[in-house]
Amino acid sequence: MEKEPTNTAGKTKGTGRSHHGISLPRKREKRKLIYMIRHGVAVHNIPDAATGKLPDQADVRLTDTPLVPYGEQQAQLAGKKVRHDLKQRRIDMVVSSPLTRCLQTSLFAFPPGQNEALYYCHEGVREAYGMHYPDKRHSLSSLCPLFPTFKFDSTMSENDDCWKPDKRESWNDVIERVDDFFHWLSTRPEKVVVIISHGIWIETVLRWFCPSALGSDGKRRVYNADVYRGEFVASLEADQADANGATRRTIQLQNVILLEE
């Protein structure tokens, strides 16, 4: 992936003007408690026992790999960690990447029979895509019967039209998806949201919004089943809209921490 661009997180899209005698736009905030969890260990994360090397991700046989048993256990432990942190609060929505390992992690971490959360599948939180077959999802018609608990976003196509065999997403591409997803999230009514995603996606979020969450040098990696908690804040400028008539908003992540054992 290419060099990361300059961080402009927290700035409002568009420009506004103020004049003497004209009131400034009224601002109101929407706050959510969010948890970001990387999926458990999947088949393509297992190194070869003899060489210690990871599988060749250009191998078509690794398309949309599932969790291994250890990854399932990791997912269960991540769910317990979140529930312990929440105490008596309930989860309102679980948002998952459409890749099988994330959908599975969602269900192992938060069994549907144990809560009343909405399970939502959104392409905006998927891994950086292109070239690597583990990051190519199965068709929508094959995923829906396997994961009937989930509501699949209406914008998802039948086949994975995003994934290309000869081109991988850049940092700018992933950041744009993050931005679009967070603006979508800001329109949702849910107050406690769990996001099941991938290493690069979560690292991109943290480096863009709150690099200190990745250590003093900002270089800590996000490992399988890591759980980050933070406050999602959308500041809405109620009296102004952009060129398309949408309410202007600034997105921030505050007080982000890695939940320890």
C-alpha atoms as a PDB file:
ATOM      1  CA  MET A   1       0.000   0.000   0.000  1.00  0.00           C
ATOM      2  CA  GLU A   2       1.196   3.526  -0.681  1.00  0.00           C
ATOM      3  CA  LYS A   3       2.402   6.079   1.871  1.00  0.00           C
ATOM      4  CA  GLU A   4      -0.237   7.319   4.271  1.00  0.00           C
ATOM      5  CA  PRO A   5      -1.616  10.792   3.505  1.00  0.00           C
ATOM      6  CA  THR A   6      -1.647  13.682   5.926  1.00  0.00           C
ATOM      7  CA  ASN A   7      -4.229  13.207   8.669  1.00  0.00           C
ATOM      8  CA  THR A   8      -7.266  15.465   8.383  1.00  0.00           C
ATOM      9  CA  ALA A   9      -9.468  13.422  10.718  1.00  0.00           C
ATOM     10  CA  GLY A  10     -11.815  15.456  12.847  1.00  0.00           C
ATOM     11  CA  LYS A  11     -12.256  18.201  10.265  1.00  0.00           C
ATOM     12  CA  THR A  12     -15.665  18.940   8.860  1.00  0.00           C
ATOM     13  CA  LYS A  13     -16.163  18.421   5.163  1.00  0.00           C
ATOM     14  CA  GLY A  14     -16.946  21.572   3.242  1.00  0.00           C
ATOM     15  CA  THR A  15     -16.437  25.162   4.294  1.00  0.00           C
ATOM     16  CA  GLY A  16     -18.665  27.491   6.239  1.00  0.00           C
ATOM     17  CA  ARG A  17     -18.781  31.271   6.584  1.00  0.00           C
ATOM     18  CA  SER A  18     -19.726  33.475   9.511  1.00  0.00           C
ATOM     19  CA  HIS A  19     -20.580  37.196   9.480  1.00  0.00           C
ATOM     20  CA  HIS A  20     -21.348  39.726  12.195  1.00  0.00           C
ATOM     21  CA  GLY A  21     -25.057  39.728  12.907  1.00  0.00           C
ATOM     22  CA  ILE A  22     -25.561  36.168  11.569  1.00  0.00           C
ATOM     23  CA  SER A  23     -25.763  33.322  14.061  1.00  0.00           C
ATOM     24  CA  LEU A  24     -23.306  30.476  13.758  1.00  0.00           C
ATOM     25  CA  PRO A  25     -24.687  27.040  12.899  1.00  0.00           C
ATOM     26  CA  ARG A  26     -26.038  25.055  15.836  1.00  0.00           C
ATOM     27  CA  LYS A  27     -24.002  21.973  16.646  1.00  0.00           C
ATOM     28  CA  ARG A  28     -25.194  18.820  18.301  1.00  0.00           C
ATOM     29  CA  GLU A  29     -23.295  15.638  19.031  1.00  0.00           C
ATOM     30  CA  LYS A  30     -24.161  12.003  18.572  1.00  0.00           C
ATOM     31  CA  ARG A  31     -22.065   9.697  20.738  1.00  0.00           C
ATOM     32  CA  LYS A  32     -21.672   5.957  20.568  1.00  0.00           C
ATOM     33  CA  LEU A  33     -19.582   3.427  22.433  1.00  0.00           C
ATOM     34  CA  ILE A  34     -17.787   1.290  19.862  1.00  0.00           C
ATOM     35  CA  TYR A  35     -15.646  -1.820  20.018  1.00  0.00           C
ATOM     36  CA  MET A  36     -13.405  -2.810  17.117  1.00  0.00           C
ATOM     37  CA  ILE A  37     -12.350  -6.464  17.039  1.00  0.00           C
ATOM     38  CA  ARG A  38     -10.016  -8.145  14.608  1.00  0.00           C
ATOM     39  CA  HIS A  39     -11.234 -11.596  13.534  1.00  0.00           C
ATOM     40  CA  GLY A  40      -9.749 -14.746  15.062  1.00  0.00           C
ATOM     41  CA  VAL A  41      -6.998 -16.757  13.392  1.00  0.00           C
ATOM     42  CA  ALA A  42      -8.084 -18.079   9.987  1.00  0.00           C
ATOM     43  CA  VAL A  43      -6.588 -20.670   7.648  1.00  0.00           C
ATOM     44  CA  HIS A  44      -4.387 -18.154   5.814  1.00  0.00           C
ATOM     45  CA  ASN A  45      -2.919 -16.892   9.119  1.00  0.00           C
ATOM     46  CA  ILE A  46      -1.332 -20.275   9.921  1.00  0.00           C
ATOM     47  CA  PRO A  47       2.361 -20.554   8.962  1.00  0.00           C
ATOM     48  CA  ASP A  48       3.755 -23.734   7.440  1.00  0.00           C
ATOM     49  CA  ALA A  49       5.008 -26.034  10.197  1.00  0.00           C
ATOM     50  CA  ALA A  50       8.215 -26.841   8.313  1.00  0.00           C
ATOM     51  CA  THR A  51       9.198 -23.463   6.832  1.00  0.00           C
ATOM     52  CA  GLY A  52       7.476 -21.038   9.207  1.00  0.00           C
ATOM     53  CA  LYS A  53       6.216 -19.096   6.174  1.00  0.00           C
ATOM     54  CA  LEU A  54       2.630 -17.964   5.736  1.00  0.00           C
ATOM     55  CA  PRO A  55       0.612 -19.447   2.858  1.00  0.00           C
ATOM     56  CA  ASP A  56       0.837 -17.818  -0.561  1.00  0.00           C
ATOM     57  CA  GLN A  57      -2.088 -15.385  -0.603  1.00  0.00           C
ATOM     58  CA  ALA A  58      -2.096 -15.517  -4.389  1.00  0.00           C
ATOM     59  CA  ASP A  59      -3.370 -19.101  -4.109  1.00  0.00           C
ATOM     60  CA  VAL A  60      -6.990 -19.206  -5.275  1.00  0.00           C
ATOM     61  CA  ARG A  61      -7.641 -22.081  -2.864  1.00  0.00           C
ATOM     62  CA  LEU A  62      -7.409 -19.534  -0.035  1.00  0.00           C
ATOM     63  CA  THR A  63     -10.422 -17.551  -1.232  1.00  0.00           C
ATOM     64  CA  ASP A  64     -12.382 -16.180   1.750  1.00  0.00           C
ATOM     65  CA  THR A  65     -10.793 -18.474   4.326  1.00  0.00           C
ATOM     66  CA  PRO A  66     -12.699 -19.564   7.469  1.00  0.00           C
ATOM     67  CA  LEU A  67     -11.555 -19.578  11.082  1.00  0.00           C
ATOM     68  CA  VAL A  68      -9.518 -22.454  12.477  1.00  0.00           C
ATOM     69  CA  PRO A  69     -10.617 -23.948  15.841  1.00  0.00           C
ATOM     70  CA  TYR A  70      -8.141 -21.756  17.731  1.00  0.00           C
ATOM     71  CA  GLY A  71      -9.634 -18.712  15.982  1.00  0.00           C
ATOM     72  CA  GLU A  72     -13.087 -19.751  17.167  1.00  0.00           C
ATOM     73  CA  GLN A  73     -11.805 -19.884  20.751  1.00  0.00           C
ATOM     74  CA  GLN A  74     -10.216 -16.453  20.327  1.00  0.00           C
ATOM     75  CA  ALA A  75     -13.547 -15.055  19.138  1.00  0.00           C
ATOM     76  CA  GLN A  76     -15.341 -16.460  22.184  1.00  0.00           C
ATOM     77  CA  LEU A  77     -12.774 -14.894  24.511  1.00  0.00           C
ATOM     78  CA  ALA A  78     -13.041 -11.535  22.712  1.00  0.00           C
ATOM     79  CA  GLY A  79     -16.807 -11.607  23.233  1.00  0.00           C
ATOM     80  CA  LYS A  80     -16.371 -12.316  26.940  1.00  0.00           C
ATOM     81  CA  LYS A  81     -13.938  -9.408  27.174  1.00  0.00           C
ATOM     82  CA  VAL A  82     -16.485  -7.022  25.657  1.00  0.00           C
ATOM     83  CA  ARG A  83     -19.348  -8.245  27.841  1.00  0.00           C
ATOM     84  CA  HIS A  84     -17.200  -7.878  30.958  1.00  0.00           C
ATOM     85  CA  ASP A  85     -16.288  -4.342  29.934  1.00  0.00           C
ATOM     86  CA  LEU A  86     -19.913  -3.424  29.236  1.00  0.00           C
ATOM     87  CA  LYS A  87     -21.127  -4.772  32.590  1.00  0.00           C
ATOM     88  CA  GLN A  88     -24.922  -4.314  32.405  1.00  0.00           C
ATOM     89  CA  ARG A  89     -25.110  -2.386  29.123  1.00  0.00           C
ATOM     90  CA  ARG A  90     -26.307  -4.258  26.069  1.00  0.00           C
ATOM     91  CA  ILE A  91     -24.936  -4.352  22.529  1.00  0.00           C
ATOM     92  CA  ASP A  92     -27.256  -2.677  20.033  1.00  0.00           C
ATOM     93  CA  MET A  93     -25.550  -3.658  16.776  1.00  0.00           C
ATOM     94  CA  VAL A  94     -22.786  -5.980  15.566  1.00  0.00           C
ATOM     95  CA  VAL A  95     -21.337  -4.839  12.223  1.00  0.00           C
ATOM     96  CA  SER A  96     -19.243  -7.375  10.349  1.00  0.00           C
ATOM     97  CA  SER A  97     -17.078  -7.456   7.271  1.00  0.00           C
ATOM     98  CA  PRO A  98     -18.572  -9.745   4.593  1.00  0.00           C
ATOM     99  CA  LEU A  99     -15.553 -12.052   4.734  1.00  0.00           C
ATOM    100  CA  THR A 100     -16.327 -15.435   6.257  1.00  0.00           C
ATOM    101  CA  ARG A 101     -13.761 -15.212   9.061  1.00  0.00           C
ATOM    102  CA  CYS A 102     -15.392 -12.022  10.362  1.00  0.00           C
ATOM    103  CA  LEU A 103     -18.948 -13.284  10.073  1.00  0.00           C
ATOM    104  CA  GLN A 104     -17.893 -16.389  12.011  1.00  0.00           C
ATOM    105  CA  THR A 105     -16.048 -14.302  14.618  1.00  0.00           C
ATOM    106  CA  SER A 106     -19.203 -12.247  15.143  1.00  0.00           C
ATOM    107  CA  LEU A 107     -21.302 -15.305  15.895  1.00  0.00           C
ATOM    108  CA  PHE A 108     -18.751 -17.049  18.111  1.00  0.00           C
ATOM    109  CA  ALA A 109     -18.138 -13.844  20.081  1.00  0.00           C
ATOM    110  CA  PHE A 110     -21.789 -12.816  20.369  1.00  0.00           C
ATOM    111  CA  PRO A 111     -24.134 -15.819  19.963  1.00  0.00           C
ATOM    112  CA  PRO A 112     -27.482 -14.521  18.639  1.00  0.00           C
ATOM    113  CA  GLY A 113     -29.520 -16.319  21.281  1.00  0.00           C
ATOM    114  CA  GLN A 114     -27.731 -14.440  24.050  1.00  0.00           C
ATOM    115  CA  ASN A 115     -28.527 -10.884  22.968  1.00  0.00           C
ATOM    116  CA  GLU A 116     -30.990  -8.836  20.929  1.00  0.00           C
ATOM    117  CA  ALA A 117     -28.466  -6.959  18.805  1.00  0.00           C
ATOM    118  CA  LEU A 118     -28.921  -6.248  15.118  1.00  0.00           C
ATOM    119  CA  TYR A 119     -26.368  -8.199  13.063  1.00  0.00           C
ATOM    120  CA  TYR A 120     -25.379  -6.145  10.043  1.00  0.00           C
ATOM    121  CA  CYS A 121     -22.933  -6.976   7.236  1.00  0.00           C
ATOM    122  CA  HIS A 122     -21.260  -3.935   5.638  1.00  0.00           C
ATOM    123  CA  GLU A 123     -18.585  -3.838   2.922  1.00  0.00           C
ATOM    124  CA  GLY A 124     -17.187  -0.653   4.417  1.00  0.00           C
ATOM    125  CA  VAL A 125     -15.378  -2.596   7.158  1.00  0.00           C
ATOM    126  CA  ARG A 126     -13.821  -5.298   4.990  1.00  0.00           C
ATOM    127  CA  GLU A 127     -10.080  -5.815   4.601  1.00  0.00           C
ATOM    128  CA  ALA A 128      -8.051  -3.947   2.005  1.00  0.00           C
ATOM    129  CA  TYR A 129      -8.968  -5.874  -1.129  1.00  0.00           C
ATOM    130  CA  GLY A 130      -7.327  -6.961  -4.351  1.00  0.00           C
ATOM    131  CA  MET A 131      -4.613  -9.498  -5.273  1.00  0.00           C
ATOM    132  CA  HIS A 132      -4.859 -11.496  -2.022  1.00  0.00           C
ATOM    133  CA  TYR A 133      -7.422 -14.298  -2.323  1.00  0.00           C
ATOM    134  CA  PRO A 134      -8.231 -14.492   1.412  1.00  0.00           C
ATOM    135  CA  ASP A 135      -9.649 -10.967   1.001  1.00  0.00           C
ATOM    136  CA  LYS A 136     -12.012 -11.940  -1.831  1.00  0.00           C
ATOM    137  CA  ARG A 137     -15.485 -12.678  -0.499  1.00  0.00           C
ATOM    138  CA  HIS A 138     -17.902 -15.369  -1.584  1.00  0.00           C
ATOM    139  CA  SER A 139     -21.016 -14.480  -3.549  1.00  0.00           C
ATOM    140  CA  LEU A 140     -23.910 -12.869  -1.727  1.00  0.00           C
ATOM    141  CA  SER A 141     -26.231 -15.773  -2.583  1.00  0.00           C
ATOM    142  CA  SER A 142     -23.828 -18.214  -0.910  1.00  0.00           C
ATOM    143  CA  LEU A 143     -23.241 -16.055   2.186  1.00  0.00           C
ATOM    144  CA  CYS A 144     -26.897 -15.296   2.967  1.00  0.00           C
ATOM    145  CA  PRO A 145     -28.008 -18.886   3.695  1.00  0.00           C
ATOM    146  CA  LEU A 146     -24.808 -19.579   5.664  1.00  0.00           C
ATOM    147  CA  PHE A 147     -25.323 -16.511   7.868  1.00  0.00           C
ATOM    148  CA  PRO A 148     -29.096 -15.924   8.080  1.00  0.00           C
ATOM    149  CA  THR A 149     -28.711 -13.901  11.300  1.00  0.00           C
ATOM    150  CA  PHE A 150     -27.190 -11.028   9.343  1.00  0.00           C
ATOM    151  CA  LYS A 151     -28.853  -8.243   7.448  1.00  0.00           C
ATOM    152  CA  PHE A 152     -26.671  -7.703   4.382  1.00  0.00           C
ATOM    153  CA  ASP A 153     -26.318  -4.117   3.232  1.00  0.00           C
ATOM    154  CA  SER A 154     -28.481  -3.361   0.205  1.00  0.00           C
ATOM    155  CA  THR A 155     -25.520  -1.935  -1.743  1.00  0.00           C
ATOM    156  CA  MET A 156     -23.690  -5.284  -1.811  1.00  0.00           C
ATOM    157  CA  SER A 157     -23.436  -6.852  -5.259  1.00  0.00           C
ATOM    158  CA  GLU A 158     -23.928 -10.557  -5.919  1.00  0.00           C
ATOM    159  CA  ASN A 159     -20.263 -11.135  -6.752  1.00  0.00           C
ATOM    160  CA  ASP A 160     -17.209  -9.437  -5.300  1.00  0.00           C
ATOM    161  CA  ASP A 161     -16.876  -6.686  -7.884  1.00  0.00           C
ATOM    162  CA  CYS A 162     -14.483  -4.730  -5.637  1.00  0.00           C
ATOM    163  CA  TRP A 163     -11.723  -7.365  -5.651  1.00  0.00           C
ATOM    164  CA  LYS A 164      -9.262  -7.266  -8.566  1.00  0.00           C
ATOM    165  CA  PRO A 165      -6.549  -9.872  -9.253  1.00  0.00           C
ATOM    166  CA  ASP A 166      -3.990  -7.269 -10.348  1.00  0.00           C
ATOM    167  CA  LYS A 167      -4.678  -4.248  -8.119  1.00  0.00           C
ATOM    168  CA  ARG A 168      -4.814  -3.765  -4.356  1.00  0.00           C
ATOM    169  CA  GLU A 169      -6.420  -0.907  -2.463  1.00  0.00           C
ATOM    170  CA  SER A 170      -4.184   2.020  -1.471  1.00  0.00           C
ATOM    171  CA  TRP A 171      -4.164   3.763   1.919  1.00  0.00           C
ATOM    172  CA  ASN A 172      -6.303   6.504   0.397  1.00  0.00           C
ATOM    173  CA  ASP A 173      -8.841   3.934  -0.775  1.00  0.00           C
ATOM    174  CA  VAL A 174      -9.145   2.332   2.668  1.00  0.00           C
ATOM    175  CA  ILE A 175      -9.367   5.712   4.398  1.00  0.00           C
ATOM    176  CA  GLU A 176     -12.141   6.755   2.031  1.00  0.00           C
ATOM    177  CA  ARG A 177     -14.060   3.594   2.898  1.00  0.00           C
ATOM    178  CA  VAL A 178     -13.510   4.218   6.606  1.00  0.00           C
ATOM    179  CA  ASP A 179     -14.801   7.758   6.220  1.00  0.00           C
ATOM    180  CA  ASP A 180     -17.877   6.632   4.277  1.00  0.00           C
ATOM    181  CA  PHE A 181     -18.611   3.903   6.814  1.00  0.00           C
ATOM    182  CA  PHE A 182     -18.295   6.204   9.818  1.00  0.00           C
ATOM    183  CA  HIS A 183     -20.601   8.748   8.219  1.00  0.00           C
ATOM    184  CA  TRP A 184     -23.109   5.939   7.642  1.00  0.00           C
ATOM    185  CA  LEU A 185     -22.673   4.880  11.267  1.00  0.00           C
ATOM    186  CA  SER A 186     -23.357   8.438  12.409  1.00  0.00           C
ATOM    187  CA  THR A 187     -26.857   8.169  10.924  1.00  0.00           C
ATOM    188  CA  ARG A 188     -27.691   5.004  12.871  1.00  0.00           C
ATOM    189  CA  PRO A 189     -29.663   5.100  16.153  1.00  0.00           C
ATOM    190  CA  GLU A 190     -27.664   2.376  17.929  1.00  0.00           C
ATOM    191  CA  LYS A 191     -25.615   3.524  20.955  1.00  0.00           C
ATOM    192  CA  VAL A 192     -23.355   0.509  21.561  1.00  0.00           C
ATOM    193  CA  VAL A 193     -21.787  -0.934  18.423  1.00  0.00           C
ATOM    194  CA  VAL A 194     -19.291  -3.753  17.875  1.00  0.00           C
ATOM    195  CA  ILE A 195     -17.324  -3.781  14.614  1.00  0.00           C
ATOM    196  CA  ILE A 196     -15.733  -7.067  13.511  1.00  0.00           C
ATOM    197  CA  SER A 197     -13.071  -6.289  10.951  1.00  0.00           C
ATOM    198  CA  HIS A 198      -9.454  -6.865   9.916  1.00  0.00           C
ATOM    199  CA  GLY A 199      -5.938  -5.866  10.853  1.00  0.00           C
ATOM    200  CA  ILE A 200      -5.284  -3.325   8.113  1.00  0.00           C
ATOM    201  CA  TRP A 201      -8.744  -1.768   8.448  1.00  0.00           C
ATOM    202  CA  ILE A 202      -8.449  -1.287  12.220  1.00  0.00           C
ATOM    203  CA  GLU A 203      -4.851  -0.070  11.974  1.00  0.00           C
ATOM    204  CA  THR A 204      -5.936   2.453   9.346  1.00  0.00           C
ATOM    205  CA  VAL A 205      -8.728   3.720  11.613  1.00  0.00           C
ATOM    206  CA  LEU A 206      -6.384   4.092  14.577  1.00  0.00           C
ATOM    207  CA  ARG A 207      -3.558   5.747  12.631  1.00  0.00           C
ATOM    208  CA  TRP A 208      -6.002   8.156  11.050  1.00  0.00           C
ATOM    209  CA  PHE A 209      -8.019   9.144  14.100  1.00  0.00           C
ATOM    210  CA  CYS A 210      -5.940   8.319  17.175  1.00  0.00           C
ATOM    211  CA  PRO A 211      -2.390   7.060  16.449  1.00  0.00           C
ATOM    212  CA  SER A 212      -1.466   7.063  20.148  1.00  0.00           C
ATOM    213  CA  ALA A 213      -3.726   3.993  20.520  1.00  0.00           C
ATOM    214  CA  LEU A 214      -0.996   2.091  18.630  1.00  0.00           C
ATOM    215  CA  GLY A 215       1.681   2.922  21.184  1.00  0.00           C
ATOM    216  CA  SER A 216       3.979   5.865  21.718  1.00  0.00           C
ATOM    217  CA  ASP A 217       5.529   5.396  18.263  1.00  0.00           C
ATOM    218  CA  GLY A 218       2.195   4.604  16.568  1.00  0.00           C
ATOM    219  CA  LYS A 219       3.590   1.375  15.143  1.00  0.00           C
ATOM    220  CA  ARG A 220       1.901  -1.318  17.200  1.00  0.00           C
ATOM    221  CA  ARG A 221       0.238  -3.957  15.066  1.00  0.00           C
ATOM    222  CA  VAL A 222      -3.347  -5.135  15.545  1.00  0.00           C
ATOM    223  CA  TYR A 223      -3.327  -8.867  16.216  1.00  0.00           C
ATOM    224  CA  ASN A 224      -6.011 -11.511  15.823  1.00  0.00           C
ATOM    225  CA  ALA A 225      -8.872 -11.050  18.312  1.00  0.00           C
ATOM    226  CA  ASP A 226      -7.522  -7.740  19.651  1.00  0.00           C
ATOM    227  CA  VAL A 227     -10.328  -5.586  21.084  1.00  0.00           C
ATOM    228  CA  TYR A 228     -10.237  -1.781  20.993  1.00  0.00           C
ATOM    229  CA  ARG A 229     -12.833   0.341  22.778  1.00  0.00           C
ATOM    230  CA  GLY A 230     -13.509   4.002  22.091  1.00  0.00           C
ATOM    231  CA  GLU A 231     -16.068   6.776  21.934  1.00  0.00           C
ATOM    232  CA  PHE A 232     -17.419   7.579  18.486  1.00  0.00           C
ATOM    233  CA  VAL A 233     -18.445  11.236  18.254  1.00  0.00           C
ATOM    234  CA  ALA A 234     -20.294  12.765  15.317  1.00  0.00           C
ATOM    235  CA  SER A 235     -20.714  16.528  15.584  1.00  0.00           C
ATOM    236  CA  LEU A 236     -23.630  17.595  13.418  1.00  0.00           C
ATOM    237  CA  GLU A 237     -24.009  21.164  12.160  1.00  0.00           C
ATOM    238  CA  ALA A 238     -27.757  21.289  12.121  1.00  0.00           C
ATOM    239  CA  ASP A 239     -28.186  24.549  10.230  1.00  0.00           C
ATOM    240  CA  GLN A 240     -25.837  23.806   7.348  1.00  0.00           C
ATOM    241  CA  ALA A 241     -25.703  21.205   4.613  1.00  0.00           C
ATOM    242  CA  ASP A 242     -23.215  20.291   1.936  1.00  0.00           C
ATOM    243  CA  ALA A 243     -23.762  20.730  -1.815  1.00  0.00           C
ATOM    244  CA  ASN A 244     -25.861  17.556  -1.879  1.00  0.00           C
ATOM    245  CA  GLY A 245     -28.100  18.688   0.967  1.00  0.00           C
ATOM    246  CA  ALA A 246     -26.545  16.305   3.529  1.00  0.00           C
ATOM    247  CA  THR A 247     -25.980  17.523   7.080  1.00  0.00           C
ATOM    248  CA  ARG A 248     -22.371  18.499   7.662  1.00  0.00           C
ATOM    249  CA  ARG A 249     -20.662  16.422  10.327  1.00  0.00           C
ATOM    250  CA  THR A 250     -17.282  15.923  11.929  1.00  0.00           C
ATOM    251  CA  ILE A 251     -16.279  12.435  13.025  1.00  0.00           C
ATOM    252  CA  GLN A 252     -13.924  11.778  15.939  1.00  0.00           C
ATOM    253  CA  LEU A 253     -12.760   8.786  17.948  1.00  0.00           C
ATOM    254  CA  GLN A 254     -11.950   9.585  21.558  1.00  0.00           C
ATOM    255  CA  ASN A 255     -10.484   7.693  24.528  1.00  0.00           C
ATOM    256  CA  VAL A 256      -9.504   4.667  22.451  1.00  0.00           C
ATOM    257  CA  ILE A 257      -7.782   1.874  24.351  1.00  0.00           C
ATOM    258  CA  LEU A 258      -6.789  -1.745  23.817  1.00  0.00           C
ATOM    259  CA  LEU A 259      -8.696  -3.973  26.227  1.00  0.00           C
ATOM    260  CA  GLU A 260      -6.202  -6.154  28.057  1.00  0.00           C
ATOM    261  CA  GLU A 261      -6.801  -9.617  29.456  1.00  0.00           C
END
